[in-house]
Amino acid sequence: MTMGEEANKASEEAAASPGRPEAGIPGEHVPALDPKIQDQLGRVFRSFCDDLVHQPMPDKLLVLLARLEAKQREKK
């Protein structure tokens, strides 16, 4: 299952689940999503971030960083 398919599945489950129960005690924290949906979204998000971290940095960003470092060296 791809990340997009997992995200769609989690969204569909959230839409299909009944509304969250109201808090019985004032100030009590009531999760907005079912724990299963939270777990699914967490897995999708972690997978996305892991993929993103391992992508090469774009050349344009590398050029901008090099320029910034050069200007900082000039100031010293």
PDB file of N, CA and C in Angstrom:
ATOM      1  N   MET A   1       0.853  -1.173   0.000  1.00  0.00           N
ATOM      2  CA  MET A   1       0.000   0.000   0.000  1.00  0.00           C
ATOM      3  C   MET A   1       0.899   1.237   0.000  1.00  0.00           C
ATOM      4  N   THR A   2       0.634   2.184  -0.880  1.00  0.00           N
ATOM      5  CA  THR A   2       1.437   3.399  -0.957  1.00  0.00           C
ATOM      6  C   THR A   2       1.032   4.369   0.140  1.00  0.00           C
ATOM      7  N   MET A   3       1.865   5.412   0.330  1.00  0.00           N
ATOM      8  CA  MET A   3       1.545   6.414   1.349  1.00  0.00           C
ATOM      9  C   MET A   3       0.216   7.090   1.054  1.00  0.00           C
ATOM     10  N   GLY A   4      -0.038   7.384  -0.217  1.00  0.00           N
ATOM     11  CA  GLY A   4      -1.293   8.032  -0.590  1.00  0.00           C
ATOM     12  C   GLY A   4      -2.489   7.158  -0.284  1.00  0.00           C
ATOM     13  N   GLU A   5      -2.345   5.864  -0.569  1.00  0.00           N
ATOM     14  CA  GLU A   5      -3.441   4.931  -0.286  1.00  0.00           C
ATOM     15  C   GLU A   5      -3.677   4.813   1.215  1.00  0.00           C
ATOM     16  N   GLU A   6      -2.581   4.801   2.003  1.00  0.00           N
ATOM     17  CA  GLU A   6      -2.725   4.723   3.453  1.00  0.00           C
ATOM     18  C   GLU A   6      -3.405   5.974   3.998  1.00  0.00           C
ATOM     19  N   ALA A   7      -3.028   7.139   3.472  1.00  0.00           N
ATOM     20  CA  ALA A   7      -3.643   8.385   3.928  1.00  0.00           C
ATOM     21  C   ALA A   7      -5.123   8.414   3.565  1.00  0.00           C
ATOM     22  N   ASN A   8      -5.464   7.957   2.352  1.00  0.00           N
ATOM     23  CA  ASN A   8      -6.870   7.916   1.950  1.00  0.00           C
ATOM     24  C   ASN A   8      -7.660   6.975   2.834  1.00  0.00           C
ATOM     25  N   LYS A   9      -7.072   5.824   3.156  1.00  0.00           N
ATOM     26  CA  LYS A   9      -7.748   4.854   4.013  1.00  0.00           C
ATOM     27  C   LYS A   9      -8.011   5.461   5.386  1.00  0.00           C
ATOM     28  N   ALA A  10      -7.009   6.141   5.938  1.00  0.00           N
ATOM     29  CA  ALA A  10      -7.172   6.766   7.252  1.00  0.00           C
ATOM     30  C   ALA A  10      -8.241   7.850   7.206  1.00  0.00           C
ATOM     31  N   SER A  11      -8.284   8.628   6.128  1.00  0.00           N
ATOM     32  CA  SER A  11      -9.303   9.673   5.988  1.00  0.00           C
ATOM     33  C   SER A  11     -10.694   9.074   5.888  1.00  0.00           C
ATOM     34  N   GLU A  12     -10.814   7.993   5.120  1.00  0.00           N
ATOM     35  CA  GLU A  12     -12.114   7.328   4.984  1.00  0.00           C
ATOM     36  C   GLU A  12     -12.575   6.761   6.319  1.00  0.00           C
ATOM     37  N   GLU A  13     -11.640   6.173   7.078  1.00  0.00           N
ATOM     38  CA  GLU A  13     -11.999   5.632   8.386  1.00  0.00           C
ATOM     39  C   GLU A  13     -12.449   6.744   9.322  1.00  0.00           C
ATOM     40  N   ALA A  14     -11.782   7.888   9.255  1.00  0.00           N
ATOM     41  CA  ALA A  14     -12.162   9.010  10.114  1.00  0.00           C
ATOM     42  C   ALA A  14     -13.552   9.507   9.759  1.00  0.00           C
ATOM     43  N   ALA A  15     -13.855   9.568   8.468  1.00  0.00           N
ATOM     44  CA  ALA A  15     -15.164  10.044   8.029  1.00  0.00           C
ATOM     45  C   ALA A  15     -16.258   9.051   8.389  1.00  0.00           C
ATOM     46  N   ALA A  16     -15.931   7.759   8.372  1.00  0.00           N
ATOM     47  CA  ALA A  16     -16.934   6.732   8.634  1.00  0.00           C
ATOM     48  C   ALA A  16     -17.169   6.507  10.124  1.00  0.00           C
ATOM     49  N   SER A  17     -16.215   6.935  10.967  1.00  0.00           N
ATOM     50  CA  SER A  17     -16.365   6.673  12.398  1.00  0.00           C
ATOM     51  C   SER A  17     -17.384   7.621  13.009  1.00  0.00           C
ATOM     52  N   PRO A  18     -18.101   7.147  14.035  1.00  0.00           N
ATOM     53  CA  PRO A  18     -19.068   8.017  14.688  1.00  0.00           C
ATOM     54  C   PRO A  18     -18.350   9.160  15.383  1.00  0.00           C
ATOM     55  N   GLY A  19     -19.075  10.214  15.682  1.00  0.00           N
ATOM     56  CA  GLY A  19     -18.484  11.377  16.331  1.00  0.00           C
ATOM     57  C   GLY A  19     -17.856  11.024  17.660  1.00  0.00           C
ATOM     58  N   ARG A  20     -16.928  11.825  18.086  1.00  0.00           N
ATOM     59  CA  ARG A  20     -16.243  11.536  19.338  1.00  0.00           C
ATOM     60  C   ARG A  20     -17.179  11.764  20.513  1.00  0.00           C
ATOM     61  N   PRO A  21     -17.028  10.980  21.554  1.00  0.00           N
ATOM     62  CA  PRO A  21     -17.894  11.166  22.714  1.00  0.00           C
ATOM     63  C   PRO A  21     -17.573  12.475  23.416  1.00  0.00           C
ATOM     64  N   GLU A  22     -18.554  13.058  24.017  1.00  0.00           N
ATOM     65  CA  GLU A  22     -18.349  14.302  24.757  1.00  0.00           C
ATOM     66  C   GLU A  22     -17.619  13.990  26.055  1.00  0.00           C
ATOM     67  N   ALA A  23     -16.865  14.938  26.524  1.00  0.00           N
ATOM     68  CA  ALA A  23     -16.135  14.757  27.774  1.00  0.00           C
ATOM     69  C   ALA A  23     -17.120  14.675  28.931  1.00  0.00           C
ATOM     70  N   GLY A  24     -16.901  13.723  29.817  1.00  0.00           N
ATOM     71  CA  GLY A  24     -17.775  13.575  30.969  1.00  0.00           C
ATOM     72  C   GLY A  24     -17.393  14.515  32.092  1.00  0.00           C
ATOM     73  N   ILE A  25     -16.122  14.905  32.152  1.00  0.00           N
ATOM     74  CA  ILE A  25     -15.620  15.767  33.211  1.00  0.00           C
ATOM     75  C   ILE A  25     -15.134  17.058  32.566  1.00  0.00           C
ATOM     76  N   PRO A  26     -15.558  18.217  33.088  1.00  0.00           N
ATOM     77  CA  PRO A  26     -15.078  19.481  32.510  1.00  0.00           C
ATOM     78  C   PRO A  26     -13.549  19.524  32.514  1.00  0.00           C
ATOM     79  N   GLY A  27     -12.980  19.929  31.404  1.00  0.00           N
ATOM     80  CA  GLY A  27     -11.533  20.010  31.262  1.00  0.00           C
ATOM     81  C   GLY A  27     -10.871  18.696  30.898  1.00  0.00           C
ATOM     82  N   GLU A  28     -11.660  17.618  30.814  1.00  0.00           N
ATOM     83  CA  GLU A  28     -11.101  16.317  30.448  1.00  0.00           C
ATOM     84  C   GLU A  28     -10.703  16.336  28.977  1.00  0.00           C
ATOM     85  N   HIS A  29      -9.529  15.782  28.680  1.00  0.00           N
ATOM     86  CA  HIS A  29      -9.059  15.727  27.286  1.00  0.00           C
ATOM     87  C   HIS A  29      -9.748  14.575  26.567  1.00  0.00           C
ATOM     88  N   VAL A  30     -10.391  14.893  25.460  1.00  0.00           N
ATOM     89  CA  VAL A  30     -11.033  13.872  24.634  1.00  0.00           C
ATOM     90  C   VAL A  30     -10.321  13.876  23.286  1.00  0.00           C
ATOM     91  N   PRO A  31      -9.687  12.748  22.898  1.00  0.00           N
ATOM     92  CA  PRO A  31      -8.990  12.712  21.610  1.00  0.00           C
ATOM     93  C   PRO A  31      -9.940  13.030  20.458  1.00  0.00           C
ATOM     94  N   ALA A  32      -9.450  13.792  19.492  1.00  0.00           N
ATOM     95  CA  ALA A  32     -10.268  14.162  18.339  1.00  0.00           C
ATOM     96  C   ALA A  32     -10.471  12.982  17.400  1.00  0.00           C
ATOM     97  N   LEU A  33      -9.526  12.054  17.392  1.00  0.00           N
ATOM     98  CA  LEU A  33      -9.600  10.899  16.497  1.00  0.00           C
ATOM     99  C   LEU A  33      -9.476   9.609  17.294  1.00  0.00           C
ATOM    100  N   ASP A  34     -10.037   8.566  16.742  1.00  0.00           N
ATOM    101  CA  ASP A  34      -9.920   7.233  17.312  1.00  0.00           C
ATOM    102  C   ASP A  34      -8.439   6.842  17.365  1.00  0.00           C
ATOM    103  N   PRO A  35      -7.993   6.156  18.415  1.00  0.00           N
ATOM    104  CA  PRO A  35      -6.579   5.766  18.511  1.00  0.00           C
ATOM    105  C   PRO A  35      -6.072   4.968  17.308  1.00  0.00           C
ATOM    106  N   LYS A  36      -6.909   4.133  16.703  1.00  0.00           N
ATOM    107  CA  LYS A  36      -6.481   3.372  15.522  1.00  0.00           C
ATOM    108  C   LYS A  36      -6.165   4.312  14.365  1.00  0.00           C
ATOM    109  N   ILE A  37      -6.991   5.336  14.206  1.00  0.00           N
ATOM    110  CA  ILE A  37      -6.770   6.309  13.128  1.00  0.00           C
ATOM    111  C   ILE A  37      -5.518   7.125  13.424  1.00  0.00           C
ATOM    112  N   GLN A  38      -5.325   7.512  14.687  1.00  0.00           N
ATOM    113  CA  GLN A  38      -4.115   8.234  15.066  1.00  0.00           C
ATOM    114  C   GLN A  38      -2.873   7.407  14.740  1.00  0.00           C
ATOM    115  N   ASP A  39      -2.909   6.115  15.061  1.00  0.00           N
ATOM    116  CA  ASP A  39      -1.779   5.233  14.753  1.00  0.00           C
ATOM    117  C   ASP A  39      -1.519   5.163  13.254  1.00  0.00           C
ATOM    118  N   GLN A  40      -2.584   5.018  12.472  1.00  0.00           N
ATOM    119  CA  GLN A  40      -2.451   4.929  11.008  1.00  0.00           C
ATOM    120  C   GLN A  40      -1.854   6.219  10.445  1.00  0.00           C
ATOM    121  N   LEU A  41      -2.372   7.362  10.883  1.00  0.00           N
ATOM    122  CA  LEU A  41      -1.850   8.643  10.412  1.00  0.00           C
ATOM    123  C   LEU A  41      -0.395   8.821  10.844  1.00  0.00           C
ATOM    124  N   GLY A  42      -0.070   8.376  12.045  1.00  0.00           N
ATOM    125  CA  GLY A  42       1.308   8.462  12.522  1.00  0.00           C
ATOM    126  C   GLY A  42       2.256   7.651  11.659  1.00  0.00           C
ATOM    127  N   ARG A  43       1.831   6.441  11.280  1.00  0.00           N
ATOM    128  CA  ARG A  43       2.674   5.596  10.413  1.00  0.00           C
ATOM    129  C   ARG A  43       2.879   6.262   9.053  1.00  0.00           C
ATOM    130  N   VAL A  44       1.813   6.812   8.491  1.00  0.00           N
ATOM    131  CA  VAL A  44       1.915   7.474   7.182  1.00  0.00           C
ATOM    132  C   VAL A  44       2.849   8.679   7.278  1.00  0.00           C
ATOM    133  N   PHE A  45       2.681   9.486   8.331  1.00  0.00           N
ATOM    134  CA  PHE A  45       3.504  10.686   8.494  1.00  0.00           C
ATOM    135  C   PHE A  45       4.975  10.323   8.696  1.00  0.00           C
ATOM    136  N   ARG A  46       5.249   9.318   9.546  1.00  0.00           N
ATOM    137  CA  ARG A  46       6.636   8.893   9.762  1.00  0.00           C
ATOM    138  C   ARG A  46       7.260   8.377   8.471  1.00  0.00           C
ATOM    139  N   SER A  47       6.499   7.625   7.695  1.00  0.00           N
ATOM    140  CA  SER A  47       7.000   7.099   6.427  1.00  0.00           C
ATOM    141  C   SER A  47       7.316   8.244   5.464  1.00  0.00           C
ATOM    142  N   PHE A  48       6.423   9.228   5.403  1.00  0.00           N
ATOM    143  CA  PHE A  48       6.633  10.389   4.536  1.00  0.00           C
ATOM    144  C   PHE A  48       7.895  11.138   4.953  1.00  0.00           C
ATOM    145  N   CYS A  49       8.044  11.399   6.259  1.00  0.00           N
ATOM    146  CA  CYS A  49       9.212  12.132   6.746  1.00  0.00           C
ATOM    147  C   CYS A  49      10.494  11.356   6.494  1.00  0.00           C
ATOM    148  N   ASP A  50      10.454  10.046   6.693  1.00  0.00           N
ATOM    149  CA  ASP A  50      11.633   9.215   6.455  1.00  0.00           C
ATOM    150  C   ASP A  50      12.052   9.298   4.993  1.00  0.00           C
ATOM    151  N   ASP A  51      11.079   9.231   4.087  1.00  0.00           N
ATOM    152  CA  ASP A  51      11.383   9.347   2.657  1.00  0.00           C
ATOM    153  C   ASP A  51      11.957  10.728   2.342  1.00  0.00           C
ATOM    154  N   LEU A  52      11.387  11.759   2.931  1.00  0.00           N
ATOM    155  CA  LEU A  52      11.811  13.135   2.668  1.00  0.00           C
ATOM    156  C   LEU A  52      13.243  13.374   3.141  1.00  0.00           C
ATOM    157  N   VAL A  53      13.577  12.863   4.308  1.00  0.00           N
ATOM    158  CA  VAL A  53      14.912  13.055   4.873  1.00  0.00           C
ATOM    159  C   VAL A  53      15.984  12.411   4.005  1.00  0.00           C
ATOM    160  N   HIS A  54      15.634  11.338   3.331  1.00  0.00           N
ATOM    161  CA  HIS A  54      16.622  10.622   2.527  1.00  0.00           C
ATOM    162  C   HIS A  54      16.706  11.110   1.077  1.00  0.00           C
ATOM    163  N   GLN A  55      15.952  12.130   0.724  1.00  0.00           N
ATOM    164  CA  GLN A  55      16.025  12.695  -0.619  1.00  0.00           C
ATOM    165  C   GLN A  55      17.244  13.612  -0.711  1.00  0.00           C
ATOM    166  N   PRO A  56      17.877  13.682  -1.874  1.00  0.00           N
ATOM    167  CA  PRO A  56      19.008  14.604  -2.026  1.00  0.00           C
ATOM    168  C   PRO A  56      18.525  16.052  -1.973  1.00  0.00           C
ATOM    169  N   MET A  57      19.411  16.925  -1.503  1.00  0.00           N
ATOM    170  CA  MET A  57      19.069  18.336  -1.416  1.00  0.00           C
ATOM    171  C   MET A  57      19.088  18.933  -2.829  1.00  0.00           C
ATOM    172  N   PRO A  58      18.085  19.726  -3.192  1.00  0.00           N
ATOM    173  CA  PRO A  58      18.047  20.323  -4.537  1.00  0.00           C
ATOM    174  C   PRO A  58      19.253  21.236  -4.783  1.00  0.00           C
ATOM    175  N   ASP A  59      19.737  21.238  -6.013  1.00  0.00           N
ATOM    176  CA  ASP A  59      20.901  22.055  -6.380  1.00  0.00           C
ATOM    177  C   ASP A  59      20.672  23.531  -6.087  1.00  0.00           C
ATOM    178  N   LYS A  60      19.471  24.017  -6.342  1.00  0.00           N
ATOM    179  CA  LYS A  60      19.172  25.435  -6.118  1.00  0.00           C
ATOM    180  C   LYS A  60      19.382  25.799  -4.647  1.00  0.00           C
ATOM    181  N   LEU A  61      18.969  24.928  -3.753  1.00  0.00           N
ATOM    182  CA  LEU A  61      19.150  25.183  -2.326  1.00  0.00           C
ATOM    183  C   LEU A  61      20.630  25.141  -1.956  1.00  0.00           C
ATOM    184  N   LEU A  62      21.371  24.212  -2.532  1.00  0.00           N
ATOM    185  CA  LEU A  62      22.809  24.132  -2.261  1.00  0.00           C
ATOM    186  C   LEU A  62      23.525  25.408  -2.699  1.00  0.00           C
ATOM    187  N   VAL A  63      23.131  25.954  -3.850  1.00  0.00           N
ATOM    188  CA  VAL A  63      23.734  27.200  -4.344  1.00  0.00           C
ATOM    189  C   VAL A  63      23.418  28.343  -3.384  1.00  0.00           C
ATOM    190  N   LEU A  64      22.171  28.430  -2.934  1.00  0.00           N
ATOM    191  CA  LEU A  64      21.787  29.493  -2.000  1.00  0.00           C
ATOM    192  C   LEU A  64      22.551  29.377  -0.679  1.00  0.00           C
ATOM    193  N   LEU A  65      22.712  28.173  -0.184  1.00  0.00           N
ATOM    194  CA  LEU A  65      23.465  27.972   1.056  1.00  0.00           C
ATOM    195  C   LEU A  65      24.930  28.364   0.882  1.00  0.00           C
ATOM    196  N   ALA A  66      25.511  28.036  -0.261  1.00  0.00           N
ATOM    197  CA  ALA A  66      26.904  28.397  -0.533  1.00  0.00           C
ATOM    198  C   ALA A  66      27.058  29.917  -0.568  1.00  0.00           C
ATOM    199  N   ARG A  67      26.113  30.609  -1.180  1.00  0.00           N
ATOM    200  CA  ARG A  67      26.156  32.079  -1.231  1.00  0.00           C
ATOM    201  C   ARG A  67      26.061  32.669   0.175  1.00  0.00           C
ATOM    202  N   LEU A  68      25.163  32.126   0.977  1.00  0.00           N
ATOM    203  CA  LEU A  68      24.993  32.612   2.343  1.00  0.00           C
ATOM    204  C   LEU A  68      26.271  32.414   3.146  1.00  0.00           C
ATOM    205  N   GLU A  69      26.878  31.253   3.032  1.00  0.00           N
ATOM    206  CA  GLU A  69      28.125  30.986   3.752  1.00  0.00           C
ATOM    207  C   GLU A  69      29.234  31.932   3.296  1.00  0.00           C
ATOM    208  N   ALA A  70      29.300  32.207   1.996  1.00  0.00           N
ATOM    209  CA  ALA A  70      30.325  33.113   1.468  1.00  0.00           C
ATOM    210  C   ALA A  70      30.128  34.521   2.022  1.00  0.00           C
ATOM    211  N   LYS A  71      28.893  34.987   2.083  1.00  0.00           N
ATOM    212  CA  LYS A  71      28.618  36.333   2.615  1.00  0.00           C
ATOM    213  C   LYS A  71      28.957  36.405   4.101  1.00  0.00           C
ATOM    214  N   GLN A  72      28.677  35.336   4.831  1.00  0.00           N
ATOM    215  CA  GLN A  72      28.994  35.327   6.259  1.00  0.00           C
ATOM    216  C   GLN A  72      30.505  35.355   6.474  1.00  0.00           C
ATOM    217  N   ARG A  73      31.261  34.675   5.611  1.00  0.00           N
ATOM    218  CA  ARG A  73      32.722  34.691   5.709  1.00  0.00           C
ATOM    219  C   ARG A  73      33.268  36.082   5.395  1.00  0.00           C
ATOM    220  N   GLU A  74      32.637  36.792   4.439  1.00  0.00           N
ATOM    221  CA  GLU A  74      33.071  38.144   4.073  1.00  0.00           C
ATOM    222  C   GLU A  74      32.907  39.107   5.245  1.00  0.00           C
ATOM    223  N   LYS A  75      31.856  38.932   6.026  1.00  0.00           N
ATOM    224  CA  LYS A  75      31.580  39.831   7.151  1.00  0.00           C
ATOM    225  C   LYS A  75      32.604  39.677   8.267  1.00  0.00           C
ATOM    226  N   LYS A  76      33.236  38.518   8.376  1.00  0.00           N
ATOM    227  CA  LYS A  76      34.190  38.270   9.470  1.00  0.00           C
ATOM    228  C   LYS A  76      35.521  38.845   9.199  1.00  0.00           C
TER     229      LYS A  76
END
